[in-house]
């Protein structure tokens, strides 16, 4: 399948392909799920292109109704096609596709079960992962921490793919839209794939900023106060174009 398969120039062929994938997993792929899968794959490829993951590490998901579309386990993102739609219910039961969902499925489902998130991005970004080994909370080096709800916490280590890791993550996410996973990576969520991805990118940038500033011999980075972050949090509520 070439990149042109995503152009949807032949809608009939696309529908046939989607039906085939859906039937293999128990039901047909709905049009909104096919569109969401295309966006999911584009986001997953972006995490690799921008250096937030290496190989098949990390994973991405998006919620459509009560179905969670998620990247499959061990499949390079550049090989995913419209026929590879992989989806599960909120109970973890596979309802779409035949590829095995990511081993980090418990992380994604825990977020959807406990928040209003519609998208989740998990990466092994190098600077963020480095910070996760050094501190229990990313020092408030920049006001964009307010965009994630406040200082970013580090979830205690647990083996990947476990309910323990998912539980640790939920504690770190309380009141936040992103966290670090100790000796592991990042997890962010949002109302859209773009928002979840942007939060991941901001988190990695802040970690890189703190590591850079704190590496200067004899100097200590200045940090923002809770009041300063709260002020920015209020300003961000009205940020951007009005719909």
C-alpha atoms as a PDB file:
ATOM      1  CA  UNK A   1       0.000   0.000   0.000  1.00  0.00           C
ATOM      2  CA  UNK A   2       1.477   3.359  -0.994  1.00  0.00           C
ATOM      3  CA  UNK A   3       1.135   6.726   0.690  1.00  0.00           C
ATOM      4  CA  UNK A   4      -1.380   7.590  -2.005  1.00  0.00           C
ATOM      5  CA  UNK A   5      -3.792   5.141  -0.391  1.00  0.00           C
ATOM      6  CA  UNK A   6      -4.548   7.878   2.112  1.00  0.00           C
ATOM      7  CA  UNK A   7      -5.760  10.243  -0.589  1.00  0.00           C
ATOM      8  CA  UNK A   8      -9.181   8.601  -0.668  1.00  0.00           C
ATOM      9  CA  UNK A   9      -9.448   9.325  -4.412  1.00  0.00           C
ATOM     10  CA  UNK A  10     -11.482   6.199  -4.832  1.00  0.00           C
ATOM     11  CA  UNK A  11     -14.009   6.313  -1.997  1.00  0.00           C
ATOM     12  CA  UNK A  12     -15.529   3.032  -3.071  1.00  0.00           C
ATOM     13  CA  UNK A  13     -12.234   1.149  -2.739  1.00  0.00           C
ATOM     14  CA  UNK A  14     -11.618   2.781   0.636  1.00  0.00           C
ATOM     15  CA  UNK A  15     -14.996   1.631   1.919  1.00  0.00           C
ATOM     16  CA  UNK A  16     -14.339  -1.894   0.717  1.00  0.00           C
ATOM     17  CA  UNK A  17     -10.971  -1.943   2.468  1.00  0.00           C
ATOM     18  CA  UNK A  18     -12.487  -0.611   5.674  1.00  0.00           C
ATOM     19  CA  UNK A  19     -15.233  -3.210   5.585  1.00  0.00           C
ATOM     20  CA  UNK A  20     -12.696  -5.979   5.236  1.00  0.00           C
ATOM     21  CA  UNK A  21     -10.707  -4.802   8.220  1.00  0.00           C
ATOM     22  CA  UNK A  22     -13.798  -4.331  10.356  1.00  0.00           C
ATOM     23  CA  UNK A  23     -15.285  -7.701   9.566  1.00  0.00           C
ATOM     24  CA  UNK A  24     -12.046  -9.427  10.594  1.00  0.00           C
ATOM     25  CA  UNK A  25     -12.358  -7.876  14.046  1.00  0.00           C
ATOM     26  CA  UNK A  26     -16.075  -8.470  14.481  1.00  0.00           C
ATOM     27  CA  UNK A  27     -17.817  -5.525  12.795  1.00  0.00           C
ATOM     28  CA  UNK A  28     -17.520  -3.010   9.991  1.00  0.00           C
ATOM     29  CA  UNK A  29     -15.440   0.138  10.306  1.00  0.00           C
ATOM     30  CA  UNK A  30     -17.662   3.198  10.429  1.00  0.00           C
ATOM     31  CA  UNK A  31     -16.799   6.250   8.285  1.00  0.00           C
ATOM     32  CA  UNK A  32     -15.877   8.363  11.319  1.00  0.00           C
ATOM     33  CA  UNK A  33     -13.570   5.597  12.538  1.00  0.00           C
ATOM     34  CA  UNK A  34     -11.861   5.378   9.153  1.00  0.00           C
ATOM     35  CA  UNK A  35     -11.207   9.130   9.267  1.00  0.00           C
ATOM     36  CA  UNK A  36      -9.986   8.944  12.860  1.00  0.00           C
ATOM     37  CA  UNK A  37      -7.640   6.064  11.974  1.00  0.00           C
ATOM     38  CA  UNK A  38      -6.099   8.122   9.195  1.00  0.00           C
ATOM     39  CA  UNK A  39      -5.468  10.981  11.629  1.00  0.00           C
ATOM     40  CA  UNK A  40      -4.099   8.576  14.233  1.00  0.00           C
ATOM     41  CA  UNK A  41      -1.571   7.089  11.804  1.00  0.00           C
ATOM     42  CA  UNK A  42      -0.494  10.581  10.731  1.00  0.00           C
ATOM     43  CA  UNK A  43       0.078  11.523  14.376  1.00  0.00           C
ATOM     44  CA  UNK A  44       1.992   8.317  15.085  1.00  0.00           C
ATOM     45  CA  UNK A  45       4.235   8.949  12.082  1.00  0.00           C
ATOM     46  CA  UNK A  46       4.809  12.481  13.312  1.00  0.00           C
ATOM     47  CA  UNK A  47       6.104  11.231  16.670  1.00  0.00           C
ATOM     48  CA  UNK A  48       8.712   9.170  14.807  1.00  0.00           C
ATOM     49  CA  UNK A  49       9.602  11.897  12.288  1.00  0.00           C
ATOM     50  CA  UNK A  50      10.168  14.443  15.059  1.00  0.00           C
ATOM     51  CA  UNK A  51      12.293  12.127  17.197  1.00  0.00           C
ATOM     52  CA  UNK A  52       9.862  11.483  20.038  1.00  0.00           C
ATOM     53  CA  UNK A  53      10.005   7.720  19.514  1.00  0.00           C
ATOM     54  CA  UNK A  54      12.469   5.225  18.047  1.00  0.00           C
ATOM     55  CA  UNK A  55      11.336   2.222  16.032  1.00  0.00           C
ATOM     56  CA  UNK A  56       8.002   0.934  17.283  1.00  0.00           C
ATOM     57  CA  UNK A  57       8.257   2.474  20.752  1.00  0.00           C
ATOM     58  CA  UNK A  58       5.452   4.693  21.984  1.00  0.00           C
ATOM     59  CA  UNK A  59       1.810   4.527  20.945  1.00  0.00           C
ATOM     60  CA  UNK A  60      -1.161   6.691  20.016  1.00  0.00           C
ATOM     61  CA  UNK A  61      -4.905   6.324  20.457  1.00  0.00           C
ATOM     62  CA  UNK A  62      -8.098   8.209  19.730  1.00  0.00           C
ATOM     63  CA  UNK A  63     -11.591   7.649  21.072  1.00  0.00           C
ATOM     64  CA  UNK A  64     -14.574   7.546  18.719  1.00  0.00           C
ATOM     65  CA  UNK A  65     -17.729   7.032  20.726  1.00  0.00           C
ATOM     66  CA  UNK A  66     -17.092   4.022  22.942  1.00  0.00           C
ATOM     67  CA  UNK A  67     -14.412   2.629  20.627  1.00  0.00           C
ATOM     68  CA  UNK A  68     -10.712   3.303  21.157  1.00  0.00           C
ATOM     69  CA  UNK A  69      -8.597   3.160  18.014  1.00  0.00           C
ATOM     70  CA  UNK A  70      -4.991   2.402  18.928  1.00  0.00           C
ATOM     71  CA  UNK A  71      -1.698   1.692  17.224  1.00  0.00           C
ATOM     72  CA  UNK A  72      -0.963  -2.041  17.008  1.00  0.00           C
ATOM     73  CA  UNK A  73       1.929  -3.720  18.788  1.00  0.00           C
ATOM     74  CA  UNK A  74       5.289  -3.959  17.025  1.00  0.00           C
ATOM     75  CA  UNK A  75       4.219  -2.548  13.644  1.00  0.00           C
ATOM     76  CA  UNK A  76       6.322   0.334  12.225  1.00  0.00           C
ATOM     77  CA  UNK A  77       4.097   3.351  11.684  1.00  0.00           C
ATOM     78  CA  UNK A  78       5.158   3.763   8.058  1.00  0.00           C
ATOM     79  CA  UNK A  79       3.697   0.333   7.293  1.00  0.00           C
ATOM     80  CA  UNK A  80       0.226   1.009   8.661  1.00  0.00           C
ATOM     81  CA  UNK A  81      -2.546   1.230   6.064  1.00  0.00           C
ATOM     82  CA  UNK A  82      -6.295   1.940   6.107  1.00  0.00           C
ATOM     83  CA  UNK A  83      -6.875  -1.814   6.283  1.00  0.00           C
ATOM     84  CA  UNK A  84      -4.961  -2.067   9.587  1.00  0.00           C
ATOM     85  CA  UNK A  85      -7.607  -0.367  11.727  1.00  0.00           C
ATOM     86  CA  UNK A  86      -7.211  -1.649  15.290  1.00  0.00           C
ATOM     87  CA  UNK A  87      -9.892  -0.867  17.848  1.00  0.00           C
ATOM     88  CA  UNK A  88     -11.077  -1.975  21.266  1.00  0.00           C
ATOM     89  CA  UNK A  89     -14.008  -1.226  23.523  1.00  0.00           C
ATOM     90  CA  UNK A  90     -13.534   0.568  26.828  1.00  0.00           C
ATOM     91  CA  UNK A  91     -13.434  -2.885  28.423  1.00  0.00           C
ATOM     92  CA  UNK A  92     -10.384  -3.777  26.321  1.00  0.00           C
ATOM     93  CA  UNK A  93     -12.198  -6.268  24.096  1.00  0.00           C
ATOM     94  CA  UNK A  94     -11.031  -6.013  20.491  1.00  0.00           C
ATOM     95  CA  UNK A  95     -13.835  -4.960  18.162  1.00  0.00           C
ATOM     96  CA  UNK A  96     -11.915  -3.885  15.047  1.00  0.00           C
ATOM     97  CA  UNK A  97      -9.073  -5.497  13.134  1.00  0.00           C
ATOM     98  CA  UNK A  98      -6.863  -8.526  13.634  1.00  0.00           C
ATOM     99  CA  UNK A  99      -3.581  -6.861  14.655  1.00  0.00           C
ATOM    100  CA  UNK A 100      -2.756  -7.104  18.371  1.00  0.00           C
ATOM    101  CA  UNK A 101      -3.239  -3.706  20.081  1.00  0.00           C
ATOM    102  CA  UNK A 102      -0.296  -1.970  21.723  1.00  0.00           C
ATOM    103  CA  UNK A 103       1.036  -3.572  24.895  1.00  0.00           C
ATOM    104  CA  UNK A 104       0.422  -0.218  26.607  1.00  0.00           C
ATOM    105  CA  UNK A 105      -3.339  -0.513  26.143  1.00  0.00           C
ATOM    106  CA  UNK A 106      -3.939  -0.338  29.947  1.00  0.00           C
ATOM    107  CA  UNK A 107      -2.488   3.194  29.974  1.00  0.00           C
ATOM    108  CA  UNK A 108      -4.810   4.397  27.247  1.00  0.00           C
ATOM    109  CA  UNK A 109      -7.938   2.762  28.628  1.00  0.00           C
ATOM    110  CA  UNK A 110      -7.245   4.109  32.121  1.00  0.00           C
ATOM    111  CA  UNK A 111      -7.172   7.655  30.725  1.00  0.00           C
ATOM    112  CA  UNK A 112     -10.425   7.235  28.785  1.00  0.00           C
ATOM    113  CA  UNK A 113     -12.224   5.615  31.706  1.00  0.00           C
ATOM    114  CA  UNK A 114     -11.345   8.408  34.134  1.00  0.00           C
ATOM    115  CA  UNK A 115     -11.181  11.602  32.041  1.00  0.00           C
ATOM    116  CA  UNK A 116     -13.002  13.255  29.173  1.00  0.00           C
ATOM    117  CA  UNK A 117      -9.969  12.824  26.908  1.00  0.00           C
ATOM    118  CA  UNK A 118     -10.504  11.931  23.274  1.00  0.00           C
ATOM    119  CA  UNK A 119      -6.860  11.269  22.356  1.00  0.00           C
ATOM    120  CA  UNK A 120      -3.702   9.967  24.061  1.00  0.00           C
ATOM    121  CA  UNK A 121      -0.060  10.145  22.976  1.00  0.00           C
ATOM    122  CA  UNK A 122       2.658   8.108  24.706  1.00  0.00           C
ATOM    123  CA  UNK A 123       6.316   8.555  23.728  1.00  0.00           C
ATOM    124  CA  UNK A 124       9.836   7.670  24.811  1.00  0.00           C
ATOM    125  CA  UNK A 125      11.129  11.194  24.151  1.00  0.00           C
ATOM    126  CA  UNK A 126      14.780  11.324  25.196  1.00  0.00           C
ATOM    127  CA  UNK A 127      14.895  14.544  27.247  1.00  0.00           C
ATOM    128  CA  UNK A 128      11.639  13.821  29.039  1.00  0.00           C
ATOM    129  CA  UNK A 129      12.742  10.279  29.814  1.00  0.00           C
ATOM    130  CA  UNK A 130      16.060  11.597  31.134  1.00  0.00           C
ATOM    131  CA  UNK A 131      14.233  14.013  33.442  1.00  0.00           C
ATOM    132  CA  UNK A 132      12.002  11.180  34.670  1.00  0.00           C
ATOM    133  CA  UNK A 133      15.106   9.493  36.131  1.00  0.00           C
ATOM    134  CA  UNK A 134      16.231  12.601  38.037  1.00  0.00           C
ATOM    135  CA  UNK A 135      13.277  14.215  39.794  1.00  0.00           C
ATOM    136  CA  UNK A 136       9.804  13.478  41.150  1.00  0.00           C
ATOM    137  CA  UNK A 137       8.381  16.510  39.389  1.00  0.00           C
ATOM    138  CA  UNK A 138       9.625  18.592  36.468  1.00  0.00           C
ATOM    139  CA  UNK A 139      10.709  21.923  38.006  1.00  0.00           C
ATOM    140  CA  UNK A 140       8.508  24.801  36.734  1.00  0.00           C
ATOM    141  CA  UNK A 141      11.127  26.148  34.347  1.00  0.00           C
ATOM    142  CA  UNK A 142       8.631  27.666  31.907  1.00  0.00           C
ATOM    143  CA  UNK A 143       5.111  29.036  32.040  1.00  0.00           C
ATOM    144  CA  UNK A 144       3.848  26.470  29.510  1.00  0.00           C
ATOM    145  CA  UNK A 145       3.661  24.057  32.440  1.00  0.00           C
ATOM    146  CA  UNK A 146       0.352  25.812  33.070  1.00  0.00           C
ATOM    147  CA  UNK A 147      -0.941  24.426  29.761  1.00  0.00           C
ATOM    148  CA  UNK A 148      -0.603  20.950  31.271  1.00  0.00           C
ATOM    149  CA  UNK A 149      -2.407  21.940  34.478  1.00  0.00           C
ATOM    150  CA  UNK A 150       0.666  22.778  36.544  1.00  0.00           C
ATOM    151  CA  UNK A 151       4.052  21.256  37.420  1.00  0.00           C
ATOM    152  CA  UNK A 152       4.389  17.916  35.653  1.00  0.00           C
ATOM    153  CA  UNK A 153       4.651  14.952  38.004  1.00  0.00           C
ATOM    154  CA  UNK A 154       6.665  11.749  37.535  1.00  0.00           C
ATOM    155  CA  UNK A 155       4.757   8.488  37.979  1.00  0.00           C
ATOM    156  CA  UNK A 156       6.720   5.838  39.932  1.00  0.00           C
ATOM    157  CA  UNK A 157       8.244   3.090  37.832  1.00  0.00           C
ATOM    158  CA  UNK A 158       6.334  -0.087  37.012  1.00  0.00           C
ATOM    159  CA  UNK A 159       6.789  -2.580  34.193  1.00  0.00           C
ATOM    160  CA  UNK A 160       5.292  -1.540  30.883  1.00  0.00           C
ATOM    161  CA  UNK A 161       1.864  -2.827  29.989  1.00  0.00           C
ATOM    162  CA  UNK A 162       0.834  -3.433  33.606  1.00  0.00           C
ATOM    163  CA  UNK A 163      -2.164  -2.258  35.606  1.00  0.00           C
ATOM    164  CA  UNK A 164       0.320  -1.010  38.222  1.00  0.00           C
ATOM    165  CA  UNK A 165       1.848   1.401  35.722  1.00  0.00           C
ATOM    166  CA  UNK A 166      -1.618   2.583  34.688  1.00  0.00           C
ATOM    167  CA  UNK A 167      -2.534   3.230  38.329  1.00  0.00           C
ATOM    168  CA  UNK A 168       0.715   5.118  38.968  1.00  0.00           C
ATOM    169  CA  UNK A 169       0.068   7.187  35.866  1.00  0.00           C
ATOM    170  CA  UNK A 170      -3.442   8.145  36.969  1.00  0.00           C
ATOM    171  CA  UNK A 171      -2.119   9.482  40.281  1.00  0.00           C
ATOM    172  CA  UNK A 172       0.482  11.564  38.437  1.00  0.00           C
ATOM    173  CA  UNK A 173      -2.166  12.845  36.009  1.00  0.00           C
ATOM    174  CA  UNK A 174      -4.564  14.098  38.702  1.00  0.00           C
ATOM    175  CA  UNK A 175      -5.442  17.654  37.679  1.00  0.00           C
ATOM    176  CA  UNK A 176      -3.010  17.434  34.767  1.00  0.00           C
ATOM    177  CA  UNK A 177      -3.135  16.617  31.058  1.00  0.00           C
ATOM    178  CA  UNK A 178       0.362  15.162  30.979  1.00  0.00           C
ATOM    179  CA  UNK A 179       2.910  13.335  33.110  1.00  0.00           C
ATOM    180  CA  UNK A 180       6.279  11.628  32.984  1.00  0.00           C
ATOM    181  CA  UNK A 181       6.706   7.896  33.546  1.00  0.00           C
ATOM    182  CA  UNK A 182       9.879   7.117  35.481  1.00  0.00           C
ATOM    183  CA  UNK A 183      12.603   5.497  33.365  1.00  0.00           C
ATOM    184  CA  UNK A 184      10.050   5.207  30.575  1.00  0.00           C
ATOM    185  CA  UNK A 185       8.712   8.302  28.831  1.00  0.00           C
ATOM    186  CA  UNK A 186       5.732  10.636  28.565  1.00  0.00           C
ATOM    187  CA  UNK A 187       1.970  10.472  28.387  1.00  0.00           C
ATOM    188  CA  UNK A 188      -0.342  13.315  27.441  1.00  0.00           C
ATOM    189  CA  UNK A 189      -4.012  13.501  26.555  1.00  0.00           C
ATOM    190  CA  UNK A 190      -6.306  16.031  24.959  1.00  0.00           C
ATOM    191  CA  UNK A 191      -9.600  16.756  23.287  1.00  0.00           C
ATOM    192  CA  UNK A 192      -8.023  16.042  19.893  1.00  0.00           C
ATOM    193  CA  UNK A 193      -5.004  14.231  18.496  1.00  0.00           C
ATOM    194  CA  UNK A 194      -3.402  17.564  17.626  1.00  0.00           C
ATOM    195  CA  UNK A 195      -3.827  18.830  21.180  1.00  0.00           C
ATOM    196  CA  UNK A 196      -2.464  15.651  22.737  1.00  0.00           C
ATOM    197  CA  UNK A 197       0.523  15.730  20.381  1.00  0.00           C
ATOM    198  CA  UNK A 198       1.216  19.426  21.001  1.00  0.00           C
ATOM    199  CA  UNK A 199       1.235  18.791  24.746  1.00  0.00           C
ATOM    200  CA  UNK A 200       3.753  15.997  24.258  1.00  0.00           C
ATOM    201  CA  UNK A 201       5.983  18.248  22.186  1.00  0.00           C
ATOM    202  CA  UNK A 202       5.754  21.041  24.782  1.00  0.00           C
ATOM    203  CA  UNK A 203       6.592  18.619  27.583  1.00  0.00           C
ATOM    204  CA  UNK A 204       9.657  17.319  25.776  1.00  0.00           C
ATOM    205  CA  UNK A 205      10.766  20.912  25.057  1.00  0.00           C
ATOM    206  CA  UNK A 206      10.390  21.932  28.713  1.00  0.00           C
ATOM    207  CA  UNK A 207      12.416  18.913  29.819  1.00  0.00           C
ATOM    208  CA  UNK A 208      15.134  19.794  27.341  1.00  0.00           C
ATOM    209  CA  UNK A 209      15.076  23.404  28.564  1.00  0.00           C
ATOM    210  CA  UNK A 210      15.459  22.387  32.217  1.00  0.00           C
ATOM    211  CA  UNK A 211      18.265  19.934  31.471  1.00  0.00           C
ATOM    212  CA  UNK A 212      20.091  22.615  29.455  1.00  0.00           C
ATOM    213  CA  UNK A 213      19.722  25.340  32.077  1.00  0.00           C
ATOM    214  CA  UNK A 214      20.595  23.102  35.024  1.00  0.00           C
ATOM    215  CA  UNK A 215      23.759  21.857  33.309  1.00  0.00           C
ATOM    216  CA  UNK A 216      25.514  25.250  33.520  1.00  0.00           C
ATOM    217  CA  UNK A 217      28.227  24.948  36.231  1.00  0.00           C
ATOM    218  CA  UNK A 218      27.806  27.188  39.233  1.00  0.00           C
ATOM    219  CA  UNK A 219      24.351  28.458  38.290  1.00  0.00           C
ATOM    220  CA  UNK A 220      20.834  27.375  39.231  1.00  0.00           C
ATOM    221  CA  UNK A 221      17.833  28.005  36.952  1.00  0.00           C
ATOM    222  CA  UNK A 222      15.203  30.416  38.225  1.00  0.00           C
ATOM    223  CA  UNK A 223      11.832  28.736  38.615  1.00  0.00           C
ATOM    224  CA  UNK A 224       8.283  30.052  38.494  1.00  0.00           C
ATOM    225  CA  UNK A 225       6.076  30.257  41.580  1.00  0.00           C
ATOM    226  CA  UNK A 226       2.632  28.690  41.953  1.00  0.00           C
ATOM    227  CA  UNK A 227       1.120  32.164  41.688  1.00  0.00           C
ATOM    228  CA  UNK A 228       2.950  32.885  38.446  1.00  0.00           C
ATOM    229  CA  UNK A 229       1.797  29.592  36.928  1.00  0.00           C
ATOM    230  CA  UNK A 230      -1.773  30.236  38.073  1.00  0.00           C
ATOM    231  CA  UNK A 231      -1.716  33.655  36.405  1.00  0.00           C
ATOM    232  CA  UNK A 232      -0.614  32.107  33.128  1.00  0.00           C
ATOM    233  CA  UNK A 233      -3.220  29.374  33.478  1.00  0.00           C
ATOM    234  CA  UNK A 234      -5.942  32.036  33.558  1.00  0.00           C
ATOM    235  CA  UNK A 235      -4.485  33.815  30.523  1.00  0.00           C
ATOM    236  CA  UNK A 236      -4.326  30.561  28.566  1.00  0.00           C
ATOM    237  CA  UNK A 237      -8.055  30.021  29.012  1.00  0.00           C
ATOM    238  CA  UNK A 238      -8.669  32.789  26.500  1.00  0.00           C
ATOM    239  CA  UNK A 239      -5.703  32.000  24.234  1.00  0.00           C
ATOM    240  CA  UNK A 240      -6.138  31.401  20.516  1.00  0.00           C
ATOM    241  CA  UNK A 241      -8.787  32.180  17.946  1.00  0.00           C
ATOM    242  CA  UNK A 242     -12.408  32.400  19.029  1.00  0.00           C
ATOM    243  CA  UNK A 243     -14.750  29.984  17.305  1.00  0.00           C
END
